Amino acid sequence: LFEKFDKDKIYLTEDRTAYRLFNTRLVSSSVGEFAYAISLIFNA
């Protein structure tokens, strides 16, 4: 996925890790609720 798409258009999160000290962690069971959380977080 990193080979196929432009690095400038890729944004990453963490789940079950916390290497970044600011809040990058979003733990989900599947990608569906992950996408849902993004919408809520960005105040849609």
PDB file of all heavy atoms in Angstrom:
ATOM      1  N   LEU A   1       0.828  -1.209   0.000  1.00  0.00           N
ATOM      2  CA  LEU A   1       0.000   0.000   0.000  1.00  0.00           C
ATOM      3  C   LEU A   1       0.862   1.260   0.000  1.00  0.00           C
ATOM      4  O   LEU A   1       0.483   2.287  -0.570  1.00  0.00           O
ATOM      5  CB  LEU A   1      -0.942   0.001   1.200  1.00  0.00           C
ATOM      6  CG  LEU A   1      -1.982  -1.121   1.224  1.00  0.00           C
ATOM      7  CD1 LEU A   1      -2.874  -1.013   2.456  1.00  0.00           C
ATOM      8  CD2 LEU A   1      -2.843  -1.090  -0.032  1.00  0.00           C
ATOM      9  N   PHE A   2       2.017   1.169   0.624  1.00  0.00           N
ATOM     10  CA  PHE A   2       2.931   2.316   0.642  1.00  0.00           C
ATOM     11  C   PHE A   2       3.687   2.423  -0.681  1.00  0.00           C
ATOM     12  O   PHE A   2       4.162   3.495  -1.051  1.00  0.00           O
ATOM     13  CB  PHE A   2       3.910   2.181   1.804  1.00  0.00           C
ATOM     14  CG  PHE A   2       3.240   2.232   3.150  1.00  0.00           C
ATOM     15  CD1 PHE A   2       2.795   1.067   3.757  1.00  0.00           C
ATOM     16  CD2 PHE A   2       3.025   3.435   3.794  1.00  0.00           C
ATOM     17  CE1 PHE A   2       2.162   1.102   4.989  1.00  0.00           C
ATOM     18  CE2 PHE A   2       2.396   3.486   5.022  1.00  0.00           C
ATOM     19  CZ  PHE A   2       1.956   2.316   5.622  1.00  0.00           C
ATOM     20  N   GLU A   3       3.787   1.304  -1.370  1.00  0.00           N
ATOM     21  CA  GLU A   3       4.449   1.311  -2.677  1.00  0.00           C
ATOM     22  C   GLU A   3       3.521   1.827  -3.777  1.00  0.00           C
ATOM     23  O   GLU A   3       3.982   2.430  -4.748  1.00  0.00           O
ATOM     24  CB  GLU A   3       4.909  -0.115  -3.014  1.00  0.00           C
ATOM     25  CG  GLU A   3       5.962  -0.658  -2.047  1.00  0.00           C
ATOM     26  CD  GLU A   3       6.122  -2.174  -2.163  1.00  0.00           C
ATOM     27  OE1 GLU A   3       5.447  -2.776  -3.030  1.00  0.00           O
ATOM     28  OE2 GLU A   3       6.895  -2.748  -1.369  1.00  0.00           O
ATOM     29  N   LYS A   4       2.229   1.592  -3.628  1.00  0.00           N
ATOM     30  CA  LYS A   4       1.273   1.914  -4.688  1.00  0.00           C
ATOM     31  C   LYS A   4       0.742   3.345  -4.616  1.00  0.00           C
ATOM     32  O   LYS A   4       0.279   3.874  -5.636  1.00  0.00           O
ATOM     33  CB  LYS A   4       0.096   0.935  -4.640  1.00  0.00           C
ATOM     34  CG  LYS A   4       0.447  -0.485  -5.042  1.00  0.00           C
ATOM     35  CD  LYS A   4       0.797  -0.580  -6.521  1.00  0.00           C
ATOM     36  CE  LYS A   4       1.070  -2.010  -6.946  1.00  0.00           C
ATOM     37  NZ  LYS A   4       1.406  -2.103  -8.386  1.00  0.00           N
ATOM     38  N   PHE A   5       0.777   3.953  -3.435  1.00  0.00           N
ATOM     39  CA  PHE A   5       0.138   5.261  -3.284  1.00  0.00           C
ATOM     40  C   PHE A   5       1.145   6.310  -2.818  1.00  0.00           C
ATOM     41  O   PHE A   5       2.127   6.006  -2.123  1.00  0.00           O
ATOM     42  CB  PHE A   5      -1.036   5.165  -2.306  1.00  0.00           C
ATOM     43  CG  PHE A   5      -2.074   4.151  -2.723  1.00  0.00           C
ATOM     44  CD1 PHE A   5      -2.302   3.016  -1.970  1.00  0.00           C
ATOM     45  CD2 PHE A   5      -2.799   4.327  -3.892  1.00  0.00           C
ATOM     46  CE1 PHE A   5      -3.237   2.077  -2.357  1.00  0.00           C
ATOM     47  CE2 PHE A   5      -3.743   3.392  -4.295  1.00  0.00           C
ATOM     48  CZ  PHE A   5      -3.956   2.258  -3.531  1.00  0.00           C
ATOM     49  N   ASP A   6       0.869   7.536  -3.194  1.00  0.00           N
ATOM     50  CA  ASP A   6       1.754   8.669  -2.921  1.00  0.00           C
ATOM     51  C   ASP A   6       1.881   8.896  -1.412  1.00  0.00           C
ATOM     52  O   ASP A   6       0.885   9.007  -0.695  1.00  0.00           O
ATOM     53  CB  ASP A   6       1.167   9.909  -3.604  1.00  0.00           C
ATOM     54  CG  ASP A   6       2.099  11.097  -3.554  1.00  0.00           C
ATOM     55  OD1 ASP A   6       3.058  11.072  -2.749  1.00  0.00           O
ATOM     56  OD2 ASP A   6       1.871  12.057  -4.312  1.00  0.00           O
ATOM     57  N   LYS A   7       3.112   8.971  -0.953  1.00  0.00           N
ATOM     58  CA  LYS A   7       3.382   9.163   0.475  1.00  0.00           C
ATOM     59  C   LYS A   7       2.714  10.416   1.017  1.00  0.00           C
ATOM     60  O   LYS A   7       2.245  10.440   2.166  1.00  0.00           O
ATOM     61  CB  LYS A   7       4.893   9.224   0.700  1.00  0.00           C
ATOM     62  CG  LYS A   7       5.316   9.364   2.149  1.00  0.00           C
ATOM     63  CD  LYS A   7       6.844   9.350   2.267  1.00  0.00           C
ATOM     64  CE  LYS A   7       7.286   9.466   3.724  1.00  0.00           C
ATOM     65  NZ  LYS A   7       8.756   9.445   3.851  1.00  0.00           N
ATOM     66  N   ASP A   8       2.640  11.472   0.205  1.00  0.00           N
ATOM     67  CA  ASP A   8       2.065  12.745   0.665  1.00  0.00           C
ATOM     68  C   ASP A   8       0.565  12.642   0.926  1.00  0.00           C
ATOM     69  O   ASP A   8      -0.013  13.508   1.597  1.00  0.00           O
ATOM     70  CB  ASP A   8       2.315  13.844  -0.374  1.00  0.00           C
ATOM     71  CG  ASP A   8       3.773  14.262  -0.416  1.00  0.00           C
ATOM     72  OD1 ASP A   8       4.484  14.011   0.577  1.00  0.00           O
ATOM     73  OD2 ASP A   8       4.200  14.823  -1.440  1.00  0.00           O
ATOM     74  N   LYS A   9      -0.079  11.605   0.385  1.00  0.00           N
ATOM     75  CA  LYS A   9      -1.525  11.448   0.571  1.00  0.00           C
ATOM     76  C   LYS A   9      -1.873  10.383   1.618  1.00  0.00           C
ATOM     77  O   LYS A   9      -3.041  10.052   1.795  1.00  0.00           O
ATOM     78  CB  LYS A   9      -2.190  11.097  -0.772  1.00  0.00           C
ATOM     79  CG  LYS A   9      -2.060  12.187  -1.824  1.00  0.00           C
ATOM     80  CD  LYS A   9      -2.979  11.931  -3.010  1.00  0.00           C
ATOM     81  CE  LYS A   9      -2.612  10.683  -3.768  1.00  0.00           C
ATOM     82  NZ  LYS A   9      -3.498  10.443  -4.926  1.00  0.00           N
ATOM     83  N   ILE A  10      -0.857   9.855   2.275  1.00  0.00           N
ATOM     84  CA  ILE A  10      -1.074   8.791   3.267  1.00  0.00           C
ATOM     85  C   ILE A  10      -0.958   9.363   4.676  1.00  0.00           C
ATOM     86  O   ILE A  10       0.007  10.066   5.005  1.00  0.00           O
ATOM     87  CB  ILE A  10      -0.048   7.659   3.078  1.00  0.00           C
ATOM     88  CG1 ILE A  10      -0.263   6.965   1.731  1.00  0.00           C
ATOM     89  CG2 ILE A  10      -0.159   6.640   4.218  1.00  0.00           C
ATOM     90  CD1 ILE A  10       0.782   5.913   1.416  1.00  0.00           C
ATOM     91  N   TYR A  11      -1.943   9.021   5.504  1.00  0.00           N
ATOM     92  CA  TYR A  11      -1.944   9.409   6.917  1.00  0.00           C
ATOM     93  C   TYR A  11      -2.103   8.137   7.759  1.00  0.00           C
ATOM     94  O   TYR A  11      -2.909   7.261   7.427  1.00  0.00           O
ATOM     95  CB  TYR A  11      -3.079  10.391   7.214  1.00  0.00           C
ATOM     96  CG  TYR A  11      -2.959  11.662   6.414  1.00  0.00           C
ATOM     97  CD1 TYR A  11      -3.503  11.752   5.136  1.00  0.00           C
ATOM     98  CD2 TYR A  11      -2.268  12.759   6.907  1.00  0.00           C
ATOM     99  CE1 TYR A  11      -3.373  12.900   4.376  1.00  0.00           C
ATOM    100  CE2 TYR A  11      -2.123  13.921   6.165  1.00  0.00           C
ATOM    101  CZ  TYR A  11      -2.678  13.982   4.895  1.00  0.00           C
ATOM    102  OH  TYR A  11      -2.532  15.132   4.153  1.00  0.00           O
ATOM    103  N   LEU A  12      -1.331   8.063   8.822  1.00  0.00           N
ATOM    104  CA  LEU A  12      -1.278   6.830   9.606  1.00  0.00           C
ATOM    105  C   LEU A  12      -1.835   7.017  11.009  1.00  0.00           C
ATOM    106  O   LEU A  12      -1.814   8.122  11.568  1.00  0.00           O
ATOM    107  CB  LEU A  12       0.168   6.329   9.700  1.00  0.00           C
ATOM    108  CG  LEU A  12       0.882   6.038   8.379  1.00  0.00           C
ATOM    109  CD1 LEU A  12       2.285   5.497   8.637  1.00  0.00           C
ATOM    110  CD2 LEU A  12       0.082   5.067   7.525  1.00  0.00           C
ATOM    111  N   THR A  13      -2.311   5.929  11.555  1.00  0.00           N
ATOM    112  CA  THR A  13      -2.739   5.876  12.956  1.00  0.00           C
ATOM    113  C   THR A  13      -2.077   4.656  13.593  1.00  0.00           C
ATOM    114  O   THR A  13      -1.514   3.799  12.910  1.00  0.00           O
ATOM    115  CB  THR A  13      -4.263   5.745  13.083  1.00  0.00           C
ATOM    116  OG1 THR A  13      -4.656   4.445  12.627  1.00  0.00           O
ATOM    117  CG2 THR A  13      -4.982   6.810  12.271  1.00  0.00           C
ATOM    118  N   GLU A  14      -2.177   4.572  14.886  1.00  0.00           N
ATOM    119  CA  GLU A  14      -1.715   3.389  15.614  1.00  0.00           C
ATOM    120  C   GLU A  14      -2.912   2.665  16.215  1.00  0.00           C
ATOM    121  O   GLU A  14      -3.952   3.274  16.484  1.00  0.00           O
ATOM    122  CB  GLU A  14      -0.758   3.774  16.742  1.00  0.00           C
ATOM    123  CG  GLU A  14       0.561   4.356  16.292  1.00  0.00           C
ATOM    124  CD  GLU A  14       1.519   4.566  17.466  1.00  0.00           C
ATOM    125  OE1 GLU A  14       2.090   3.590  17.955  1.00  0.00           O
ATOM    126  OE2 GLU A  14       1.667   5.732  17.888  1.00  0.00           O
ATOM    127  N   ASP A  15      -2.763   1.364  16.414  1.00  0.00           N
ATOM    128  CA  ASP A  15      -3.725   0.634  17.237  1.00  0.00           C
ATOM    129  C   ASP A  15      -2.954  -0.431  18.004  1.00  0.00           C
ATOM    130  O   ASP A  15      -2.114  -1.126  17.461  1.00  0.00           O
ATOM    131  CB  ASP A  15      -4.842   0.004  16.392  1.00  0.00           C
ATOM    132  CG  ASP A  15      -4.364  -1.133  15.520  1.00  0.00           C
ATOM    133  OD1 ASP A  15      -3.402  -0.912  14.740  1.00  0.00           O
ATOM    134  OD2 ASP A  15      -4.925  -2.230  15.608  1.00  0.00           O
ATOM    135  N   ARG A  16      -3.211  -0.494  19.294  1.00  0.00           N
ATOM    136  CA  ARG A  16      -2.535  -1.409  20.217  1.00  0.00           C
ATOM    137  C   ARG A  16      -1.053  -1.082  20.390  1.00  0.00           C
ATOM    138  O   ARG A  16      -0.303  -1.888  20.944  1.00  0.00           O
ATOM    139  CB  ARG A  16      -2.725  -2.869  19.770  1.00  0.00           C
ATOM    140  CG  ARG A  16      -4.190  -3.278  19.714  1.00  0.00           C
ATOM    141  CD  ARG A  16      -4.386  -4.716  19.368  1.00  0.00           C
ATOM    142  NE  ARG A  16      -3.915  -5.589  20.442  1.00  0.00           N
ATOM    143  CZ  ARG A  16      -4.155  -6.895  20.498  1.00  0.00           C
ATOM    144  NH1 ARG A  16      -4.876  -7.472  19.545  1.00  0.00           N
ATOM    145  NH2 ARG A  16      -3.698  -7.612  21.485  1.00  0.00           N
ATOM    146  N   THR A  17      -0.628   0.067  19.913  1.00  0.00           N
ATOM    147  CA  THR A  17       0.716   0.568  20.205  1.00  0.00           C
ATOM    148  C   THR A  17       0.597   2.047  20.544  1.00  0.00           C
ATOM    149  O   THR A  17      -0.422   2.679  20.261  1.00  0.00           O
ATOM    150  CB  THR A  17       1.670   0.403  19.002  1.00  0.00           C
ATOM    151  OG1 THR A  17       1.202   1.225  17.921  1.00  0.00           O
ATOM    152  CG2 THR A  17       1.740  -1.048  18.545  1.00  0.00           C
ATOM    153  N   ALA A  18       1.665   2.599  21.121  1.00  0.00           N
ATOM    154  CA  ALA A  18       1.659   4.029  21.469  1.00  0.00           C
ATOM    155  C   ALA A  18       3.078   4.581  21.350  1.00  0.00           C
ATOM    156  O   ALA A  18       3.636   5.132  22.299  1.00  0.00           O
ATOM    157  CB  ALA A  18       1.113   4.239  22.875  1.00  0.00           C
ATOM    158  N   TYR A  19       3.664   4.422  20.180  1.00  0.00           N
ATOM    159  CA  TYR A  19       5.014   4.941  19.957  1.00  0.00           C
ATOM    160  C   TYR A  19       5.012   6.468  19.841  1.00  0.00           C
ATOM    161  O   TYR A  19       5.962   7.121  20.253  1.00  0.00           O
ATOM    162  CB  TYR A  19       5.611   4.315  18.694  1.00  0.00           C
ATOM    163  CG  TYR A  19       5.901   2.846  18.843  1.00  0.00           C
ATOM    164  CD1 TYR A  19       5.079   1.890  18.264  1.00  0.00           C
ATOM    165  CD2 TYR A  19       6.996   2.404  19.586  1.00  0.00           C
ATOM    166  CE1 TYR A  19       5.336   0.536  18.410  1.00  0.00           C
ATOM    167  CE2 TYR A  19       7.264   1.059  19.738  1.00  0.00           C
ATOM    168  CZ  TYR A  19       6.424   0.120  19.151  1.00  0.00           C
ATOM    169  OH  TYR A  19       6.683  -1.223  19.310  1.00  0.00           O
ATOM    170  N   ARG A  20       3.943   7.027  19.262  1.00  0.00           N
ATOM    171  CA  ARG A  20       3.822   8.473  19.216  1.00  0.00           C
ATOM    172  C   ARG A  20       3.142   8.932  20.498  1.00  0.00           C
ATOM    173  O   ARG A  20       2.129   8.352  20.919  1.00  0.00           O
ATOM    174  CB  ARG A  20       2.993   8.920  18.000  1.00  0.00           C
ATOM    175  CG  ARG A  20       3.454   8.380  16.660  1.00  0.00           C
ATOM    176  CD  ARG A  20       4.940   8.601  16.371  1.00  0.00           C
ATOM    177  NE  ARG A  20       5.387   9.957  16.444  1.00  0.00           N
ATOM    178  CZ  ARG A  20       5.595  10.749  15.386  1.00  0.00           C
ATOM    179  NH1 ARG A  20       5.355  10.297  14.167  1.00  0.00           N
ATOM    180  NH2 ARG A  20       6.042  11.965  15.539  1.00  0.00           N
ATOM    181  N   LEU A  21       3.669   9.959  21.124  1.00  0.00           N
ATOM    182  CA  LEU A  21       3.156  10.390  22.424  1.00  0.00           C
ATOM    183  C   LEU A  21       1.917  11.259  22.303  1.00  0.00           C
ATOM    184  O   LEU A  21       1.164  11.401  23.260  1.00  0.00           O
ATOM    185  CB  LEU A  21       4.248  11.133  23.202  1.00  0.00           C
ATOM    186  CG  LEU A  21       5.460  10.270  23.585  1.00  0.00           C
ATOM    187  CD1 LEU A  21       6.454  11.084  24.415  1.00  0.00           C
ATOM    188  CD2 LEU A  21       5.044   9.019  24.338  1.00  0.00           C
ATOM    189  N   PHE A  22       1.685  11.874  21.137  1.00  0.00           N
ATOM    190  CA  PHE A  22       0.396  12.525  20.949  1.00  0.00           C
ATOM    191  C   PHE A  22      -0.609  11.435  20.557  1.00  0.00           C
ATOM    192  O   PHE A  22      -0.239  10.303  20.242  1.00  0.00           O
ATOM    193  CB  PHE A  22       0.478  13.641  19.902  1.00  0.00           C
ATOM    194  CG  PHE A  22       1.003  13.214  18.560  1.00  0.00           C
ATOM    195  CD1 PHE A  22       0.141  12.756  17.580  1.00  0.00           C
ATOM    196  CD2 PHE A  22       2.362  13.276  18.270  1.00  0.00           C
ATOM    197  CE1 PHE A  22       0.608  12.366  16.343  1.00  0.00           C
ATOM    198  CE2 PHE A  22       2.838  12.891  17.030  1.00  0.00           C
ATOM    199  CZ  PHE A  22       1.970  12.430  16.064  1.00  0.00           C
ATOM    200  N   ASN A  23      -1.864  11.775  20.545  1.00  0.00           N
ATOM    201  CA  ASN A  23      -2.914  10.773  20.419  1.00  0.00           C
ATOM    202  C   ASN A  23      -3.083  10.292  18.981  1.00  0.00           C
ATOM    203  O   ASN A  23      -3.757  10.916  18.177  1.00  0.00           O
ATOM    204  CB  ASN A  23      -4.239  11.356  20.934  1.00  0.00           C
ATOM    205  CG  ASN A  23      -5.357  10.348  20.920  1.00  0.00           C
ATOM    206  OD1 ASN A  23      -5.128   9.160  20.757  1.00  0.00           O
ATOM    207  ND2 ASN A  23      -6.572  10.817  21.101  1.00  0.00           N
ATOM    208  N   THR A  24      -2.465   9.153  18.655  1.00  0.00           N
ATOM    209  CA  THR A  24      -2.597   8.585  17.308  1.00  0.00           C
ATOM    210  C   THR A  24      -3.275   7.218  17.341  1.00  0.00           C
ATOM    211  O   THR A  24      -3.342   6.536  16.327  1.00  0.00           O
ATOM    212  CB  THR A  24      -1.213   8.404  16.652  1.00  0.00           C
ATOM    213  OG1 THR A  24      -0.465   7.434  17.415  1.00  0.00           O
ATOM    214  CG2 THR A  24      -0.449   9.711  16.614  1.00  0.00           C
ATOM    215  N   ARG A  25      -3.772   6.822  18.486  1.00  0.00           N
ATOM    216  CA  ARG A  25      -4.229   5.435  18.693  1.00  0.00           C
ATOM    217  C   ARG A  25      -5.735   5.315  18.497  1.00  0.00           C
ATOM    218  O   ARG A  25      -6.514   6.058  19.092  1.00  0.00           O
ATOM    219  CB  ARG A  25      -3.832   4.994  20.100  1.00  0.00           C
ATOM    220  CG  ARG A  25      -4.149   3.552  20.439  1.00  0.00           C
ATOM    221  CD  ARG A  25      -3.550   3.226  21.792  1.00  0.00           C
ATOM    222  NE  ARG A  25      -4.040   1.972  22.312  1.00  0.00           N
ATOM    223  CZ  ARG A  25      -3.284   1.014  22.800  1.00  0.00           C
ATOM    224  NH1 ARG A  25      -1.972   1.174  22.814  1.00  0.00           N
ATOM    225  NH2 ARG A  25      -3.793  -0.095  23.288  1.00  0.00           N
ATOM    226  N   LEU A  26      -6.124   4.342  17.668  1.00  0.00           N
ATOM    227  CA  LEU A  26      -7.533   4.071  17.417  1.00  0.00           C
ATOM    228  C   LEU A  26      -7.678   2.556  17.255  1.00  0.00           C
ATOM    229  O   LEU A  26      -7.306   1.995  16.231  1.00  0.00           O
ATOM    230  CB  LEU A  26      -7.998   4.800  16.160  1.00  0.00           C
ATOM    231  CG  LEU A  26      -9.500   4.896  15.902  1.00  0.00           C
ATOM    232  CD1 LEU A  26     -10.203   5.627  17.047  1.00  0.00           C
ATOM    233  CD2 LEU A  26      -9.762   5.620  14.590  1.00  0.00           C
ATOM    234  N   VAL A  27      -8.210   1.896  18.272  1.00  0.00           N
ATOM    235  CA  VAL A  27      -8.309   0.437  18.277  1.00  0.00           C
ATOM    236  C   VAL A  27      -9.703   0.024  17.819  1.00  0.00           C
ATOM    237  O   VAL A  27     -10.704   0.458  18.392  1.00  0.00           O
ATOM    238  CB  VAL A  27      -8.039  -0.138  19.678  1.00  0.00           C
ATOM    239  CG1 VAL A  27      -8.126  -1.662  19.665  1.00  0.00           C
ATOM    240  CG2 VAL A  27      -6.666   0.306  20.179  1.00  0.00           C
ATOM    241  N   SER A  28      -9.773  -0.792  16.779  1.00  0.00           N
ATOM    242  CA  SER A  28     -11.061  -1.233  16.257  1.00  0.00           C
ATOM    243  C   SER A  28     -10.986  -2.701  15.874  1.00  0.00           C
ATOM    244  O   SER A  28      -9.902  -3.250  15.660  1.00  0.00           O
ATOM    245  CB  SER A  28     -11.477  -0.389  15.051  1.00  0.00           C
ATOM    246  OG  SER A  28     -10.524  -0.514  14.021  1.00  0.00           O
ATOM    247  N   SER A  29     -12.160  -3.316  15.767  1.00  0.00           N
ATOM    248  CA  SER A  29     -12.212  -4.728  15.365  1.00  0.00           C
ATOM    249  C   SER A  29     -12.140  -4.880  13.851  1.00  0.00           C
ATOM    250  O   SER A  29     -11.650  -5.884  13.349  1.00  0.00           O
ATOM    251  CB  SER A  29     -13.507  -5.367  15.877  1.00  0.00           C
ATOM    252  OG  SER A  29     -13.547  -5.350  17.290  1.00  0.00           O
ATOM    253  N   SER A  30     -12.657  -3.889  13.129  1.00  0.00           N
ATOM    254  CA  SER A  30     -12.618  -3.951  11.663  1.00  0.00           C
ATOM    255  C   SER A  30     -12.485  -2.541  11.107  1.00  0.00           C
ATOM    256  O   SER A  30     -12.631  -1.548  11.826  1.00  0.00           O
ATOM    257  CB  SER A  30     -13.883  -4.613  11.116  1.00  0.00           C
ATOM    258  OG  SER A  30     -14.985  -3.728  11.180  1.00  0.00           O
ATOM    259  N   VAL A  31     -12.240  -2.455   9.809  1.00  0.00           N
ATOM    260  CA  VAL A  31     -12.008  -1.161   9.178  1.00  0.00           C
ATOM    261  C   VAL A  31     -13.286  -0.322   9.109  1.00  0.00           C
ATOM    262  O   VAL A  31     -13.226   0.910   9.016  1.00  0.00           O
ATOM    263  CB  VAL A  31     -11.396  -1.368   7.772  1.00  0.00           C
ATOM    264  CG1 VAL A  31     -12.397  -2.020   6.823  1.00  0.00           C
ATOM    265  CG2 VAL A  31     -10.852  -0.069   7.201  1.00  0.00           C
ATOM    266  N   GLY A  32     -14.453  -0.969   9.194  1.00  0.00           N
ATOM    267  CA  GLY A  32     -15.710  -0.226   9.128  1.00  0.00           C
ATOM    268  C   GLY A  32     -15.868   0.753  10.270  1.00  0.00           C
ATOM    269  O   GLY A  32     -16.136   1.946  10.066  1.00  0.00           O
ATOM    270  N   GLU A  33     -15.698   0.267  11.487  1.00  0.00           N
ATOM    271  CA  GLU A  33     -15.846   1.177  12.625  1.00  0.00           C
ATOM    272  C   GLU A  33     -14.654   2.118  12.758  1.00  0.00           C
ATOM    273  O   GLU A  33     -14.764   3.202  13.341  1.00  0.00           O
ATOM    274  CB  GLU A  33     -16.084   0.416  13.938  1.00  0.00           C
ATOM    275  CG  GLU A  33     -14.957  -0.458  14.427  1.00  0.00           C
ATOM    276  CD  GLU A  33     -15.097  -1.888  13.955  1.00  0.00           C
ATOM    277  OE1 GLU A  33     -15.724  -2.102  12.888  1.00  0.00           O
ATOM    278  OE2 GLU A  33     -14.573  -2.788  14.623  1.00  0.00           O
ATOM    279  N   PHE A  34     -13.508   1.719  12.209  1.00  0.00           N
ATOM    280  CA  PHE A  34     -12.353   2.621  12.135  1.00  0.00           C
ATOM    281  C   PHE A  34     -12.714   3.860  11.314  1.00  0.00           C
ATOM    282  O   PHE A  34     -12.485   5.005  11.731  1.00  0.00           O
ATOM    283  CB  PHE A  34     -11.173   1.868  11.519  1.00  0.00           C
ATOM    284  CG  PHE A  34      -9.965   2.702  11.230  1.00  0.00           C
ATOM    285  CD1 PHE A  34      -9.039   2.981  12.222  1.00  0.00           C
ATOM    286  CD2 PHE A  34      -9.731   3.197   9.950  1.00  0.00           C
ATOM    287  CE1 PHE A  34      -7.906   3.745  11.946  1.00  0.00           C
ATOM    288  CE2 PHE A  34      -8.614   3.957   9.668  1.00  0.00           C
ATOM    289  CZ  PHE A  34      -7.698   4.235  10.678  1.00  0.00           C
ATOM    290  N   ALA A  35     -13.302   3.642  10.129  1.00  0.00           N
ATOM    291  CA  ALA A  35     -13.714   4.759   9.269  1.00  0.00           C
ATOM    292  C   ALA A  35     -14.783   5.602   9.953  1.00  0.00           C
ATOM    293  O   ALA A  35     -14.780   6.847   9.864  1.00  0.00           O
ATOM    294  CB  ALA A  35     -14.238   4.221   7.934  1.00  0.00           C
ATOM    295  N   TYR A  36     -15.692   4.941  10.644  1.00  0.00           N
ATOM    296  CA  TYR A  36     -16.755   5.638  11.375  1.00  0.00           C
ATOM    297  C   TYR A  36     -16.165   6.556  12.442  1.00  0.00           C
ATOM    298  O   TYR A  36     -16.581   7.718  12.586  1.00  0.00           O
ATOM    299  CB  TYR A  36     -17.678   4.598  12.000  1.00  0.00           C
ATOM    300  CG  TYR A  36     -18.717   5.131  12.954  1.00  0.00           C
ATOM    301  CD1 TYR A  36     -19.675   6.046  12.534  1.00  0.00           C
ATOM    302  CD2 TYR A  36     -18.763   4.697  14.281  1.00  0.00           C
ATOM    303  CE1 TYR A  36     -20.648   6.522  13.403  1.00  0.00           C
ATOM    304  CE2 TYR A  36     -19.733   5.165  15.158  1.00  0.00           C
ATOM    305  CZ  TYR A  36     -20.666   6.078  14.724  1.00  0.00           C
ATOM    306  OH  TYR A  36     -21.628   6.550  15.581  1.00  0.00           O
ATOM    307  N   ALA A  37     -15.173   6.071  13.164  1.00  0.00           N
ATOM    308  CA  ALA A  37     -14.546   6.884  14.212  1.00  0.00           C
ATOM    309  C   ALA A  37     -13.870   8.115  13.629  1.00  0.00           C
ATOM    310  O   ALA A  37     -13.917   9.203  14.223  1.00  0.00           O
ATOM    311  CB  ALA A  37     -13.540   6.038  14.995  1.00  0.00           C
ATOM    312  N   ILE A  38     -13.247   7.979  12.458  1.00  0.00           N
ATOM    313  CA  ILE A  38     -12.602   9.122  11.810  1.00  0.00           C
ATOM    314  C   ILE A  38     -13.629  10.218  11.544  1.00  0.00           C
ATOM    315  O   ILE A  38     -13.386  11.411  11.787  1.00  0.00           O
ATOM    316  CB  ILE A  38     -11.924   8.689  10.488  1.00  0.00           C
ATOM    317  CG1 ILE A  38     -10.771   7.709  10.750  1.00  0.00           C
ATOM    318  CG2 ILE A  38     -11.431   9.906   9.718  1.00  0.00           C
ATOM    319  CD1 ILE A  38      -9.611   8.284  11.520  1.00  0.00           C
ATOM    320  N   SER A  39     -14.801   9.844  11.058  1.00  0.00           N
ATOM    321  CA  SER A  39     -15.854  10.823  10.777  1.00  0.00           C
ATOM    322  C   SER A  39     -16.286  11.536  12.051  1.00  0.00           C
ATOM    323  O   SER A  39     -16.464  12.763  12.068  1.00  0.00           O
ATOM    324  CB  SER A  39     -17.055  10.131  10.126  1.00  0.00           C
ATOM    325  OG  SER A  39     -18.077  11.057   9.837  1.00  0.00           O
ATOM    326  N   LEU A  40     -16.451  10.791  13.129  1.00  0.00           N
ATOM    327  CA  LEU A  40     -16.862  11.400  14.399  1.00  0.00           C
ATOM    328  C   LEU A  40     -15.778  12.323  14.949  1.00  0.00           C
ATOM    329  O   LEU A  40     -16.061  13.424  15.423  1.00  0.00           O
ATOM    330  CB  LEU A  40     -17.187  10.308  15.420  1.00  0.00           C
ATOM    331  CG  LEU A  40     -18.416   9.434  15.163  1.00  0.00           C
ATOM    332  CD1 LEU A  40     -18.550   8.390  16.272  1.00  0.00           C
ATOM    333  CD2 LEU A  40     -19.683  10.280  15.086  1.00  0.00           C
ATOM    334  N   ILE A  41     -14.537  11.851  14.898  1.00  0.00           N
ATOM    335  CA  ILE A  41     -13.423  12.631  15.452  1.00  0.00           C
ATOM    336  C   ILE A  41     -13.284  13.975  14.738  1.00  0.00           C
ATOM    337  O   ILE A  41     -13.052  15.015  15.379  1.00  0.00           O
ATOM    338  CB  ILE A  41     -12.111  11.825  15.353  1.00  0.00           C
ATOM    339  CG1 ILE A  41     -12.129  10.677  16.372  1.00  0.00           C
ATOM    340  CG2 ILE A  41     -10.891  12.719  15.572  1.00  0.00           C
ATOM    341  CD1 ILE A  41     -11.008   9.680  16.185  1.00  0.00           C
ATOM    342  N   PHE A  42     -13.477  13.983  13.416  1.00  0.00           N
ATOM    343  CA  PHE A  42     -13.330  15.223  12.656  1.00  0.00           C
ATOM    344  C   PHE A  42     -14.636  16.016  12.587  1.00  0.00           C
ATOM    345  O   PHE A  42     -14.799  16.902  11.761  1.00  0.00           O
ATOM    346  CB  PHE A  42     -12.756  14.928  11.273  1.00  0.00           C
ATOM    347  CG  PHE A  42     -11.266  14.712  11.295  1.00  0.00           C
ATOM    348  CD1 PHE A  42     -10.736  13.455  11.548  1.00  0.00           C
ATOM    349  CD2 PHE A  42     -10.398  15.767  11.134  1.00  0.00           C
ATOM    350  CE1 PHE A  42      -9.368  13.258  11.604  1.00  0.00           C
ATOM    351  CE2 PHE A  42      -9.022  15.589  11.195  1.00  0.00           C
ATOM    352  CZ  PHE A  42      -8.505  14.326  11.429  1.00  0.00           C
ATOM    353  N   ASN A  43     -15.548  15.665  13.495  1.00  0.00           N
ATOM    354  CA  ASN A  43     -16.710  16.509  13.814  1.00  0.00           C
ATOM    355  C   ASN A  43     -17.698  16.658  12.663  1.00  0.00           C
ATOM    356  O   ASN A  43     -18.322  17.726  12.505  1.00  0.00           O
ATOM    357  CB  ASN A  43     -16.226  17.897  14.263  1.00  0.00           C
ATOM    358  CG  ASN A  43     -17.169  18.521  15.279  1.00  0.00           C
ATOM    359  OD1 ASN A  43     -17.809  17.812  16.060  1.00  0.00           O
ATOM    360  ND2 ASN A  43     -17.269  19.833  15.285  1.00  0.00           N
ATOM    361  N   ALA A  44     -17.865  15.599  11.870  1.00  0.00           N
ATOM    362  CA  ALA A  44     -18.864  15.650  10.796  1.00  0.00           C
ATOM    363  C   ALA A  44     -20.248  15.841  11.394  1.00  0.00           C
ATOM    364  O   ALA A  44     -20.646  15.114  12.301  1.00  0.00           O
ATOM    365  CB  ALA A  44     -18.812  14.370   9.970  1.00  0.00           C
TER     366      ALA A  44
END
